[in-house]
Amino acid sequence: MKLADLGEFGFIDRIARSIPAAAGVRLGIGDDCAALSLPPGELLLTTTDLLIEQVHFRHDWTDLRTLGRKSVAVNVSDIAAMGGTPRHLFLGLAVPVGMSVENLDDFVAGFLEAARHYGATLVGGDTCRSPGPLLISVTAEGAVPERELVRRSGARPGDAVYVSGTLGDSGLALQLLLAGQTPEPFLARRHHDPEARTGLGRALAQAAIPTAMIDISDGLLADLGHILEASQVGATIEAAALPLSEPFRRALAQESALLDLALAGGEDYELLFTVPPEREADLAELARSTGVPTTRLGRITGPKEGLIVLDRDGRPIPPRKTGYDHFGRGD
């Protein structure tokens, strides 16, 4: 079916019929604004993100249902980074003229599937025609008890630097795709269908363990740099401590330069956070209870020391890349 046969409002109504009632949603899709409520004593968290065809994704690399799931995950990951719980989603779509209703149904099905997975509800948005590529704009709202909000600015010298999961898998998958190769399923999933660490982020905040936290979207070094800048500190990281998946280790054994992808590849959507030494035992227990592995990468230092990456012999490594910048040279 062509979208023109259904019309904009027919398409919106098609989406609205798929969304169940949810706590805190007084009015959802169908009015001029959504009317929402939060539990008393909780702060509203709001983040927004764009995914643009040929910039963030390509149709020949991913199916639309998976793209719908990723559109949710990359946004609620920001909520996780501040210790919050995802609540509401707003979806904006600029749709190419030739895109079919069936393709849009696939995208929306994936989007709503991920929304349910993270406990969030689609409550509004906008649609329009695009003269060019598919453009996806998502705004996510979450909530966090005021005393449990985790920011980027709390890291202090002596804190340990930790990260969840593994690093570099998404960057390696993208490099293979750009080279015309097919990544193995694990790597492809890490790139096309990432998992936001909402459960871990909430548990960390509730236990008051992190002094600072961020999600890794632009790369370990770039996002750690954001913490260091906000906290006015430095850090020393040990390259040998980087948590790497088995597929990444196999590739690294063939090409040592791939280490840059673990340091700066981006789109890992893991949580990077700092922990006082006296809370590291608590973190180990929390990681066991949540089932998400966490790895100690190094420590926070004074501001004059800057960000240093050390090799196995304790020598500084000059990274060839520090992270993704949409407007940087060569990106």
C-alpha atoms as a PDB file:
ATOM      1  CA  MET A   1       0.000   0.000   0.000  1.00  0.00           C
ATOM      2  CA  LYS A   2       1.235   3.508  -0.794  1.00  0.00           C
ATOM      3  CA  LEU A   3       1.343   6.025   2.040  1.00  0.00           C
ATOM      4  CA  ALA A   4      -0.671   8.427  -0.122  1.00  0.00           C
ATOM      5  CA  ASP A   5      -3.568   5.928  -0.081  1.00  0.00           C
ATOM      6  CA  LEU A   6      -3.601   5.913   3.724  1.00  0.00           C
ATOM      7  CA  GLY A   7      -2.797   9.594   4.339  1.00  0.00           C
ATOM      8  CA  GLU A   8      -0.893  11.214   7.190  1.00  0.00           C
ATOM      9  CA  PHE A   9      -3.712  11.036   9.721  1.00  0.00           C
ATOM     10  CA  GLY A  10      -4.639   7.507   8.718  1.00  0.00           C
ATOM     11  CA  PHE A  11      -1.033   6.501   9.368  1.00  0.00           C
ATOM     12  CA  ILE A  12      -0.997   8.251  12.756  1.00  0.00           C
ATOM     13  CA  ASP A  13      -4.256   6.557  13.725  1.00  0.00           C
ATOM     14  CA  ARG A  14      -2.758   3.235  12.645  1.00  0.00           C
ATOM     15  CA  ILE A  15       0.066   3.788  15.159  1.00  0.00           C
ATOM     16  CA  ALA A  16      -2.216   5.039  17.944  1.00  0.00           C
ATOM     17  CA  ARG A  17      -4.321   1.879  17.832  1.00  0.00           C
ATOM     18  CA  SER A  18      -1.189  -0.166  18.626  1.00  0.00           C
ATOM     19  CA  ILE A  19      -0.383   1.614  21.890  1.00  0.00           C
ATOM     20  CA  PRO A  20      -1.871   0.361  25.180  1.00  0.00           C
ATOM     21  CA  ALA A  21      -2.763   2.576  28.123  1.00  0.00           C
ATOM     22  CA  ALA A  22       0.154   3.404  30.415  1.00  0.00           C
ATOM     23  CA  ALA A  23       0.585   4.835  33.905  1.00  0.00           C
ATOM     24  CA  GLY A  24       1.332   8.546  33.895  1.00  0.00           C
ATOM     25  CA  VAL A  25      -0.173   9.145  30.443  1.00  0.00           C
ATOM     26  CA  ARG A  26      -3.288  11.294  30.892  1.00  0.00           C
ATOM     27  CA  LEU A  27      -3.461  12.091  27.154  1.00  0.00           C
ATOM     28  CA  GLY A  28      -1.336  10.466  24.480  1.00  0.00           C
ATOM     29  CA  ILE A  29      -1.555  10.481  20.690  1.00  0.00           C
ATOM     30  CA  GLY A  30      -4.584  12.311  19.292  1.00  0.00           C
ATOM     31  CA  ASP A  31      -4.553  15.754  20.931  1.00  0.00           C
ATOM     32  CA  ASP A  32      -2.465  18.902  20.418  1.00  0.00           C
ATOM     33  CA  CYS A  33      -0.089  17.857  23.207  1.00  0.00           C
ATOM     34  CA  ALA A  34       0.508  14.842  25.372  1.00  0.00           C
ATOM     35  CA  ALA A  35      -0.521  15.307  29.012  1.00  0.00           C
ATOM     36  CA  LEU A  36       1.803  13.373  31.289  1.00  0.00           C
ATOM     37  CA  SER A  37       2.552  13.024  34.989  1.00  0.00           C
ATOM     38  CA  LEU A  38       5.526  11.846  37.050  1.00  0.00           C
ATOM     39  CA  PRO A  39       5.665  10.393  40.559  1.00  0.00           C
ATOM     40  CA  PRO A  40       6.208  13.033  43.274  1.00  0.00           C
ATOM     41  CA  GLY A  41       9.832  13.872  44.006  1.00  0.00           C
ATOM     42  CA  GLU A  42      11.137  12.730  40.616  1.00  0.00           C
ATOM     43  CA  LEU A  43      12.920  14.858  38.022  1.00  0.00           C
ATOM     44  CA  LEU A  44      11.990  14.829  34.333  1.00  0.00           C
ATOM     45  CA  LEU A  45      14.853  13.754  32.056  1.00  0.00           C
ATOM     46  CA  THR A  46      14.604  14.678  28.366  1.00  0.00           C
ATOM     47  CA  THR A  47      16.894  13.786  25.475  1.00  0.00           C
ATOM     48  CA  THR A  48      16.597  13.852  21.688  1.00  0.00           C
ATOM     49  CA  ASP A  49      18.449  12.228  18.821  1.00  0.00           C
ATOM     50  CA  LEU A  50      18.425  12.118  15.016  1.00  0.00           C
ATOM     51  CA  LEU A  51      19.016   9.135  12.754  1.00  0.00           C
ATOM     52  CA  ILE A  52      19.464  10.055   9.100  1.00  0.00           C
ATOM     53  CA  GLU A  53      19.622   7.637   6.194  1.00  0.00           C
ATOM     54  CA  GLN A  54      23.133   7.378   4.689  1.00  0.00           C
ATOM     55  CA  VAL A  55      24.576   9.068   7.799  1.00  0.00           C
ATOM     56  CA  HIS A  56      23.489   6.754  10.646  1.00  0.00           C
ATOM     57  CA  PHE A  57      22.090   3.785   8.726  1.00  0.00           C
ATOM     58  CA  ARG A  58      21.631   2.244   5.299  1.00  0.00           C
ATOM     59  CA  HIS A  59      18.684   0.166   4.118  1.00  0.00           C
ATOM     60  CA  ASP A  60      20.965  -2.386   2.495  1.00  0.00           C
ATOM     61  CA  TRP A  61      22.613  -3.023   5.880  1.00  0.00           C
ATOM     62  CA  THR A  62      19.630  -3.240   8.235  1.00  0.00           C
ATOM     63  CA  ASP A  63      15.933  -4.054   8.108  1.00  0.00           C
ATOM     64  CA  LEU A  64      13.375  -1.481   9.205  1.00  0.00           C
ATOM     65  CA  ARG A  65      12.098  -3.421  12.213  1.00  0.00           C
ATOM     66  CA  THR A  66      15.625  -3.539  13.651  1.00  0.00           C
ATOM     67  CA  LEU A  67      16.077   0.141  12.827  1.00  0.00           C
ATOM     68  CA  GLY A  68      12.926   0.876  14.825  1.00  0.00           C
ATOM     69  CA  ARG A  69      14.382  -0.898  17.850  1.00  0.00           C
ATOM     70  CA  LYS A  70      17.709   0.918  17.530  1.00  0.00           C
ATOM     71  CA  SER A  71      15.906   4.279  17.315  1.00  0.00           C
ATOM     72  CA  VAL A  72      14.558   3.666  20.816  1.00  0.00           C
ATOM     73  CA  ALA A  73      17.702   2.137  22.322  1.00  0.00           C
ATOM     74  CA  VAL A  74      20.071   4.967  21.400  1.00  0.00           C
ATOM     75  CA  ASN A  75      17.764   7.453  23.110  1.00  0.00           C
ATOM     76  CA  VAL A  76      16.919   5.593  26.301  1.00  0.00           C
ATOM     77  CA  SER A  77      20.653   4.948  26.712  1.00  0.00           C
ATOM     78  CA  ASP A  78      20.954   8.640  27.631  1.00  0.00           C
ATOM     79  CA  ILE A  79      18.270   8.160  30.289  1.00  0.00           C
ATOM     80  CA  ALA A  80      20.249   5.198  31.664  1.00  0.00           C
ATOM     81  CA  ALA A  81      23.397   7.342  31.848  1.00  0.00           C
ATOM     82  CA  MET A  82      21.702   9.636  34.370  1.00  0.00           C
ATOM     83  CA  GLY A  83      20.275   6.823  36.451  1.00  0.00           C
ATOM     84  CA  GLY A  84      16.731   7.283  35.208  1.00  0.00           C
ATOM     85  CA  THR A  85      13.815   5.114  34.120  1.00  0.00           C
ATOM     86  CA  PRO A  86      12.488   5.620  30.551  1.00  0.00           C
ATOM     87  CA  ARG A  87       8.870   6.826  30.531  1.00  0.00           C
ATOM     88  CA  HIS A  88       7.736   8.495  27.299  1.00  0.00           C
ATOM     89  CA  LEU A  89       8.796   8.634  23.652  1.00  0.00           C
ATOM     90  CA  PHE A  90       8.037  11.091  20.853  1.00  0.00           C
ATOM     91  CA  LEU A  91       8.672  10.022  17.257  1.00  0.00           C
ATOM     92  CA  GLY A  92       9.183  12.328  14.285  1.00  0.00           C
ATOM     93  CA  LEU A  93       9.417  10.826  10.792  1.00  0.00           C
ATOM     94  CA  ALA A  94      10.289  12.530   7.506  1.00  0.00           C
ATOM     95  CA  VAL A  95       9.263   9.825   5.042  1.00  0.00           C
ATOM     96  CA  PRO A  96      10.541   9.482   1.447  1.00  0.00           C
ATOM     97  CA  VAL A  97       7.772   9.626  -1.154  1.00  0.00           C
ATOM     98  CA  GLY A  98       8.289   6.073  -2.391  1.00  0.00           C
ATOM     99  CA  MET A  99       8.277   4.378   1.011  1.00  0.00           C
ATOM    100  CA  SER A 100       5.426   1.879   1.453  1.00  0.00           C
ATOM    101  CA  VAL A 101       3.032   1.595   4.377  1.00  0.00           C
ATOM    102  CA  GLU A 102       4.275  -1.980   4.909  1.00  0.00           C
ATOM    103  CA  ASN A 103       7.840  -0.696   5.381  1.00  0.00           C
ATOM    104  CA  LEU A 104       6.620   1.906   7.850  1.00  0.00           C
ATOM    105  CA  ASP A 105       4.614  -0.751   9.672  1.00  0.00           C
ATOM    106  CA  ASP A 106       7.826  -2.761  10.094  1.00  0.00           C
ATOM    107  CA  PHE A 107       9.659   0.258  11.500  1.00  0.00           C
ATOM    108  CA  VAL A 108       6.847   1.118  13.923  1.00  0.00           C
ATOM    109  CA  ALA A 109       6.553  -2.517  15.031  1.00  0.00           C
ATOM    110  CA  GLY A 110      10.244  -2.528  15.975  1.00  0.00           C
ATOM    111  CA  PHE A 111       9.947   0.860  17.657  1.00  0.00           C
ATOM    112  CA  LEU A 112       6.987  -0.234  19.798  1.00  0.00           C
ATOM    113  CA  GLU A 113       8.652  -3.566  20.578  1.00  0.00           C
ATOM    114  CA  ALA A 114      11.678  -1.738  21.996  1.00  0.00           C
ATOM    115  CA  ALA A 115       9.458   0.758  23.819  1.00  0.00           C
ATOM    116  CA  ARG A 116       7.756  -2.121  25.639  1.00  0.00           C
ATOM    117  CA  HIS A 117      11.124  -3.718  26.387  1.00  0.00           C
ATOM    118  CA  TYR A 118      12.352  -0.557  28.128  1.00  0.00           C
ATOM    119  CA  GLY A 119       9.036   0.231  29.804  1.00  0.00           C
ATOM    120  CA  ALA A 120       8.364   3.399  27.785  1.00  0.00           C
ATOM    121  CA  THR A 121       5.248   4.563  25.918  1.00  0.00           C
ATOM    122  CA  LEU A 122       4.983   6.377  22.577  1.00  0.00           C
ATOM    123  CA  VAL A 123       2.864   9.449  23.349  1.00  0.00           C
ATOM    124  CA  GLY A 124       3.277  11.757  20.362  1.00  0.00           C
ATOM    125  CA  GLY A 125       5.355  13.005  17.470  1.00  0.00           C
ATOM    126  CA  ASP A 126       5.042  14.248  13.905  1.00  0.00           C
ATOM    127  CA  THR A 127       5.156  12.987  10.330  1.00  0.00           C
ATOM    128  CA  CYS A 128       5.916  14.733   7.066  1.00  0.00           C
ATOM    129  CA  ARG A 129       7.129  13.980   3.549  1.00  0.00           C
ATOM    130  CA  SER A 130      10.857  13.987   2.855  1.00  0.00           C
ATOM    131  CA  PRO A 131      12.211  15.028  -0.550  1.00  0.00           C
ATOM    132  CA  GLY A 132      15.296  12.961   0.196  1.00  0.00           C
ATOM    133  CA  PRO A 133      16.284  10.323   2.762  1.00  0.00           C
ATOM    134  CA  LEU A 134      14.364   8.866   5.678  1.00  0.00           C
ATOM    135  CA  LEU A 135      14.887  11.009   8.764  1.00  0.00           C
ATOM    136  CA  ILE A 136      14.026   9.771  12.251  1.00  0.00           C
ATOM    137  CA  SER A 137      13.819  12.102  15.242  1.00  0.00           C
ATOM    138  CA  VAL A 138      13.177  10.621  18.682  1.00  0.00           C
ATOM    139  CA  THR A 139      12.707  12.442  21.962  1.00  0.00           C
ATOM    140  CA  ALA A 140      12.802  10.317  25.090  1.00  0.00           C
ATOM    141  CA  GLU A 141      11.632  11.320  28.543  1.00  0.00           C
ATOM    142  CA  GLY A 142      12.532   9.579  31.745  1.00  0.00           C
ATOM    143  CA  ALA A 143      12.309  10.118  35.473  1.00  0.00           C
ATOM    144  CA  VAL A 144      14.738   9.826  38.349  1.00  0.00           C
ATOM    145  CA  PRO A 145      14.383  10.561  42.074  1.00  0.00           C
ATOM    146  CA  GLU A 146      16.007  13.941  42.636  1.00  0.00           C
ATOM    147  CA  ARG A 147      18.635  12.636  45.069  1.00  0.00           C
ATOM    148  CA  GLU A 148      19.650   9.824  42.687  1.00  0.00           C
ATOM    149  CA  LEU A 149      20.414  11.920  39.599  1.00  0.00           C
ATOM    150  CA  VAL A 150      23.883  11.062  38.224  1.00  0.00           C
ATOM    151  CA  ARG A 151      25.744  13.756  36.263  1.00  0.00           C
ATOM    152  CA  ARG A 152      29.014  13.956  34.350  1.00  0.00           C
ATOM    153  CA  SER A 153      30.531  16.406  36.788  1.00  0.00           C
ATOM    154  CA  GLY A 154      31.115  14.387  39.975  1.00  0.00           C
ATOM    155  CA  ALA A 155      34.352  12.490  39.247  1.00  0.00           C
ATOM    156  CA  ARG A 156      37.180  13.105  41.735  1.00  0.00           C
ATOM    157  CA  PRO A 157      40.907  12.173  41.779  1.00  0.00           C
ATOM    158  CA  GLY A 158      41.304   8.650  43.134  1.00  0.00           C
ATOM    159  CA  ASP A 159      38.010   7.381  41.697  1.00  0.00           C
ATOM    160  CA  ALA A 160      38.198   4.235  39.578  1.00  0.00           C
ATOM    161  CA  VAL A 161      36.979   4.342  35.957  1.00  0.00           C
ATOM    162  CA  TYR A 162      34.605   1.517  34.976  1.00  0.00           C
ATOM    163  CA  VAL A 163      32.726   0.489  31.854  1.00  0.00           C
ATOM    164  CA  SER A 164      29.965  -2.044  31.261  1.00  0.00           C
ATOM    165  CA  GLY A 165      29.992  -4.774  28.627  1.00  0.00           C
ATOM    166  CA  THR A 166      32.550  -4.828  25.811  1.00  0.00           C
ATOM    167  CA  LEU A 167      33.994  -2.123  23.569  1.00  0.00           C
ATOM    168  CA  GLY A 168      34.630  -1.788  19.849  1.00  0.00           C
ATOM    169  CA  ASP A 169      32.118  -4.338  18.515  1.00  0.00           C
ATOM    170  CA  SER A 170      29.884  -1.796  16.801  1.00  0.00           C
ATOM    171  CA  GLY A 171      32.861   0.054  15.337  1.00  0.00           C
ATOM    172  CA  LEU A 172      34.289  -3.187  13.967  1.00  0.00           C
ATOM    173  CA  ALA A 173      30.926  -4.138  12.417  1.00  0.00           C
ATOM    174  CA  LEU A 174      30.711  -0.734  10.734  1.00  0.00           C
ATOM    175  CA  GLN A 175      34.261  -1.016   9.399  1.00  0.00           C
ATOM    176  CA  LEU A 176      33.442  -4.407   7.882  1.00  0.00           C
ATOM    177  CA  LEU A 177      30.214  -3.104   6.341  1.00  0.00           C
ATOM    178  CA  LEU A 178      32.034  -0.156   4.784  1.00  0.00           C
ATOM    179  CA  ALA A 179      34.537  -2.621   3.305  1.00  0.00           C
ATOM    180  CA  GLY A 180      31.715  -4.603   1.700  1.00  0.00           C
ATOM    181  CA  GLN A 181      32.003  -7.503   4.150  1.00  0.00           C
ATOM    182  CA  THR A 182      29.334  -9.139   6.301  1.00  0.00           C
ATOM    183  CA  PRO A 183      29.990  -8.976  10.064  1.00  0.00           C
ATOM    184  CA  GLU A 184      29.325 -12.124  12.046  1.00  0.00           C
ATOM    185  CA  PRO A 185      25.923 -12.087  13.809  1.00  0.00           C
ATOM    186  CA  PHE A 186      27.221 -10.976  17.222  1.00  0.00           C
ATOM    187  CA  LEU A 187      29.017  -7.936  15.782  1.00  0.00           C
ATOM    188  CA  ALA A 188      26.115  -7.085  13.474  1.00  0.00           C
ATOM    189  CA  ARG A 189      23.690  -7.168  16.391  1.00  0.00           C
ATOM    190  CA  ARG A 190      25.913  -4.900  18.471  1.00  0.00           C
ATOM    191  CA  HIS A 191      25.846  -2.326  15.655  1.00  0.00           C
ATOM    192  CA  HIS A 192      22.289  -2.596  14.322  1.00  0.00           C
ATOM    193  CA  ASP A 193      20.391  -3.605  17.458  1.00  0.00           C
ATOM    194  CA  PRO A 194      22.222  -2.343  20.572  1.00  0.00           C
ATOM    195  CA  GLU A 195      20.978  -2.900  24.109  1.00  0.00           C
ATOM    196  CA  ALA A 196      20.679   0.194  26.307  1.00  0.00           C
ATOM    197  CA  ARG A 197      21.861  -0.487  29.871  1.00  0.00           C
ATOM    198  CA  THR A 198      18.767   0.944  31.558  1.00  0.00           C
ATOM    199  CA  GLY A 199      18.606  -1.706  34.290  1.00  0.00           C
ATOM    200  CA  LEU A 200      22.253  -1.250  35.230  1.00  0.00           C
ATOM    201  CA  GLY A 201      22.040   2.550  35.140  1.00  0.00           C
ATOM    202  CA  ARG A 202      19.033   2.564  37.424  1.00  0.00           C
ATOM    203  CA  ALA A 203      20.617   0.085  39.843  1.00  0.00           C
ATOM    204  CA  LEU A 204      23.846   2.091  40.014  1.00  0.00           C
ATOM    205  CA  ALA A 205      21.978   5.319  40.758  1.00  0.00           C
ATOM    206  CA  GLN A 206      19.735   3.696  43.346  1.00  0.00           C
ATOM    207  CA  ALA A 207      22.805   2.343  45.149  1.00  0.00           C
ATOM    208  CA  ALA A 208      24.533   5.764  44.882  1.00  0.00           C
ATOM    209  CA  ILE A 209      27.688   4.127  43.501  1.00  0.00           C
ATOM    210  CA  PRO A 210      28.809   6.337  40.561  1.00  0.00           C
ATOM    211  CA  THR A 211      30.218   9.801  41.109  1.00  0.00           C
ATOM    212  CA  ALA A 212      29.835  10.518  37.380  1.00  0.00           C
ATOM    213  CA  MET A 213      28.371   8.603  34.435  1.00  0.00           C
ATOM    214  CA  ILE A 214      27.837   8.830  30.657  1.00  0.00           C
ATOM    215  CA  ASP A 215      26.846   6.442  27.889  1.00  0.00           C
ATOM    216  CA  ILE A 216      29.371   5.651  25.163  1.00  0.00           C
ATOM    217  CA  SER A 217      27.975   6.872  21.860  1.00  0.00           C
ATOM    218  CA  ASP A 218      30.934   8.762  20.348  1.00  0.00           C
ATOM    219  CA  GLY A 219      33.691   6.467  21.640  1.00  0.00           C
ATOM    220  CA  LEU A 220      35.376   5.707  24.956  1.00  0.00           C
ATOM    221  CA  LEU A 221      37.977   8.488  24.766  1.00  0.00           C
ATOM    222  CA  ALA A 222      35.547  11.154  23.562  1.00  0.00           C
ATOM    223  CA  ASP A 223      32.910  10.352  26.157  1.00  0.00           C
ATOM    224  CA  LEU A 224      35.415   9.967  28.974  1.00  0.00           C
ATOM    225  CA  GLY A 225      36.687  13.363  27.857  1.00  0.00           C
ATOM    226  CA  HIS A 226      33.214  14.788  28.512  1.00  0.00           C
ATOM    227  CA  ILE A 227      33.352  13.498  32.102  1.00  0.00           C
ATOM    228  CA  LEU A 228      36.858  14.880  32.588  1.00  0.00           C
ATOM    229  CA  GLU A 229      35.888  18.290  31.240  1.00  0.00           C
ATOM    230  CA  ALA A 230      32.718  18.508  33.328  1.00  0.00           C
ATOM    231  CA  SER A 231      34.505  17.285  36.464  1.00  0.00           C
ATOM    232  CA  GLN A 232      37.729  19.257  35.811  1.00  0.00           C
ATOM    233  CA  VAL A 233      39.950  16.187  36.311  1.00  0.00           C
ATOM    234  CA  GLY A 234      42.251  13.904  34.308  1.00  0.00           C
ATOM    235  CA  ALA A 235      42.412  10.127  33.897  1.00  0.00           C
ATOM    236  CA  THR A 236      44.831   7.290  33.202  1.00  0.00           C
ATOM    237  CA  ILE A 237      43.453   4.320  31.251  1.00  0.00           C
ATOM    238  CA  GLU A 238      45.168   0.947  30.709  1.00  0.00           C
ATOM    239  CA  ALA A 239      44.697  -0.384  27.171  1.00  0.00           C
ATOM    240  CA  ALA A 240      45.283  -3.943  28.425  1.00  0.00           C
ATOM    241  CA  ALA A 241      42.188  -3.619  30.630  1.00  0.00           C
ATOM    242  CA  LEU A 242      39.776  -2.829  27.767  1.00  0.00           C
ATOM    243  CA  PRO A 243      36.938  -5.391  27.789  1.00  0.00           C
ATOM    244  CA  LEU A 244      36.870  -7.022  24.343  1.00  0.00           C
ATOM    245  CA  SER A 245      34.521  -9.654  22.956  1.00  0.00           C
ATOM    246  CA  GLU A 246      35.890 -12.877  21.490  1.00  0.00           C
ATOM    247  CA  PRO A 247      35.087 -11.810  17.891  1.00  0.00           C
ATOM    248  CA  PHE A 248      36.889  -8.514  18.463  1.00  0.00           C
ATOM    249  CA  ARG A 249      39.924 -10.259  19.987  1.00  0.00           C
ATOM    250  CA  ARG A 250      40.201 -12.547  16.963  1.00  0.00           C
ATOM    251  CA  ALA A 251      40.146  -9.565  14.604  1.00  0.00           C
ATOM    252  CA  LEU A 252      42.631  -7.649  16.785  1.00  0.00           C
ATOM    253  CA  ALA A 253      45.063 -10.566  16.635  1.00  0.00           C
ATOM    254  CA  GLN A 254      45.110 -10.126  12.844  1.00  0.00           C
ATOM    255  CA  GLU A 255      45.275  -6.310  12.847  1.00  0.00           C
ATOM    256  CA  SER A 256      46.612  -4.477  15.924  1.00  0.00           C
ATOM    257  CA  ALA A 257      45.381  -1.085  14.650  1.00  0.00           C
ATOM    258  CA  LEU A 258      41.824  -2.196  15.442  1.00  0.00           C
ATOM    259  CA  LEU A 259      42.541  -1.234  19.063  1.00  0.00           C
ATOM    260  CA  ASP A 260      41.518   2.273  18.000  1.00  0.00           C
ATOM    261  CA  LEU A 261      37.951   0.990  17.524  1.00  0.00           C
ATOM    262  CA  ALA A 262      37.790  -0.070  21.176  1.00  0.00           C
ATOM    263  CA  LEU A 263      39.124   3.323  22.231  1.00  0.00           C
ATOM    264  CA  ALA A 264      37.188   5.535  19.846  1.00  0.00           C
ATOM    265  CA  GLY A 265      34.877   3.510  17.590  1.00  0.00           C
ATOM    266  CA  GLY A 266      31.599   4.778  19.033  1.00  0.00           C
ATOM    267  CA  GLU A 267      28.036   3.418  19.201  1.00  0.00           C
ATOM    268  CA  ASP A 268      28.858   0.953  21.984  1.00  0.00           C
ATOM    269  CA  TYR A 269      26.025   2.314  24.174  1.00  0.00           C
ATOM    270  CA  GLU A 270      27.723   0.946  27.263  1.00  0.00           C
ATOM    271  CA  LEU A 271      27.837   2.893  30.522  1.00  0.00           C
ATOM    272  CA  LEU A 272      31.111   4.598  31.498  1.00  0.00           C
ATOM    273  CA  PHE A 273      31.269   5.698  35.119  1.00  0.00           C
ATOM    274  CA  THR A 274      33.555   6.601  38.011  1.00  0.00           C
ATOM    275  CA  VAL A 275      33.497   4.915  41.410  1.00  0.00           C
ATOM    276  CA  PRO A 276      35.140   5.824  44.746  1.00  0.00           C
ATOM    277  CA  PRO A 277      37.575   3.075  45.863  1.00  0.00           C
ATOM    278  CA  GLU A 278      35.492   2.280  48.940  1.00  0.00           C
ATOM    279  CA  ARG A 279      32.470   1.431  46.723  1.00  0.00           C
ATOM    280  CA  GLU A 280      34.208  -0.973  44.318  1.00  0.00           C
ATOM    281  CA  ALA A 281      33.186  -4.041  46.319  1.00  0.00           C
ATOM    282  CA  ASP A 282      29.565  -2.841  46.232  1.00  0.00           C
ATOM    283  CA  LEU A 283      29.855  -2.432  42.465  1.00  0.00           C
ATOM    284  CA  ALA A 284      31.152  -5.992  42.057  1.00  0.00           C
ATOM    285  CA  GLU A 285      28.137  -7.329  43.941  1.00  0.00           C
ATOM    286  CA  LEU A 286      25.720  -5.143  41.941  1.00  0.00           C
ATOM    287  CA  ALA A 287      27.248  -6.292  38.639  1.00  0.00           C
ATOM    288  CA  ARG A 288      26.738  -9.916  39.682  1.00  0.00           C
ATOM    289  CA  SER A 289      23.117  -9.269  40.628  1.00  0.00           C
ATOM    290  CA  THR A 290      22.275  -7.461  37.374  1.00  0.00           C
ATOM    291  CA  GLY A 291      24.159  -9.899  35.164  1.00  0.00           C
ATOM    292  CA  VAL A 292      25.988  -7.079  33.363  1.00  0.00           C
ATOM    293  CA  PRO A 293      29.792  -7.329  33.552  1.00  0.00           C
ATOM    294  CA  THR A 294      31.742  -4.215  34.497  1.00  0.00           C
ATOM    295  CA  THR A 295      35.479  -3.662  34.009  1.00  0.00           C
ATOM    296  CA  ARG A 296      37.930  -1.346  35.760  1.00  0.00           C
ATOM    297  CA  LEU A 297      39.819   0.632  33.102  1.00  0.00           C
ATOM    298  CA  GLY A 298      41.944   2.974  35.217  1.00  0.00           C
ATOM    299  CA  ARG A 299      41.644   5.884  37.608  1.00  0.00           C
ATOM    300  CA  ILE A 300      40.815   9.551  37.796  1.00  0.00           C
ATOM    301  CA  THR A 301      43.795  11.878  38.286  1.00  0.00           C
ATOM    302  CA  GLY A 302      44.367  15.599  38.746  1.00  0.00           C
ATOM    303  CA  PRO A 303      43.385  18.018  35.970  1.00  0.00           C
ATOM    304  CA  LYS A 304      46.962  18.797  34.927  1.00  0.00           C
ATOM    305  CA  GLU A 305      47.616  15.178  33.927  1.00  0.00           C
ATOM    306  CA  GLY A 306      44.944  15.122  31.213  1.00  0.00           C
ATOM    307  CA  LEU A 307      43.792  11.870  29.600  1.00  0.00           C
ATOM    308  CA  ILE A 308      46.533   9.238  29.222  1.00  0.00           C
ATOM    309  CA  VAL A 309      46.233   5.753  27.706  1.00  0.00           C
ATOM    310  CA  LEU A 310      48.983   3.303  28.717  1.00  0.00           C
ATOM    311  CA  ASP A 311      50.120   0.157  26.908  1.00  0.00           C
ATOM    312  CA  ARG A 312      51.031  -3.136  28.646  1.00  0.00           C
ATOM    313  CA  ASP A 313      54.477  -1.772  29.504  1.00  0.00           C
ATOM    314  CA  GLY A 314      53.122   1.427  31.047  1.00  0.00           C
ATOM    315  CA  ARG A 315      54.072   3.615  28.087  1.00  0.00           C
ATOM    316  CA  PRO A 316      51.642   6.279  26.803  1.00  0.00           C
ATOM    317  CA  ILE A 317      49.833   5.393  23.581  1.00  0.00           C
ATOM    318  CA  PRO A 318      49.066   8.294  21.219  1.00  0.00           C
ATOM    319  CA  PRO A 319      45.589   7.344  19.901  1.00  0.00           C
ATOM    320  CA  ARG A 320      45.092   7.932  16.174  1.00  0.00           C
ATOM    321  CA  LYS A 321      41.439   8.769  16.816  1.00  0.00           C
ATOM    322  CA  THR A 322      39.639  10.177  19.831  1.00  0.00           C
ATOM    323  CA  GLY A 323      35.989   9.743  18.825  1.00  0.00           C
ATOM    324  CA  TYR A 324      33.245  10.636  16.387  1.00  0.00           C
ATOM    325  CA  ASP A 325      32.425  14.257  15.593  1.00  0.00           C
ATOM    326  CA  HIS A 326      29.722  14.954  12.984  1.00  0.00           C
ATOM    327  CA  PHE A 327      31.373  18.231  12.034  1.00  0.00           C
ATOM    328  CA  GLY A 328      35.001  17.248  12.518  1.00  0.00           C
ATOM    329  CA  ARG A 329      37.488  17.019   9.682  1.00  0.00           C
ATOM    330  CA  GLY A 330      37.341  13.696   7.923  1.00  0.00           C
ATOM    331  CA  ASP A 331      33.985  12.631   9.411  1.00  0.00           C
END
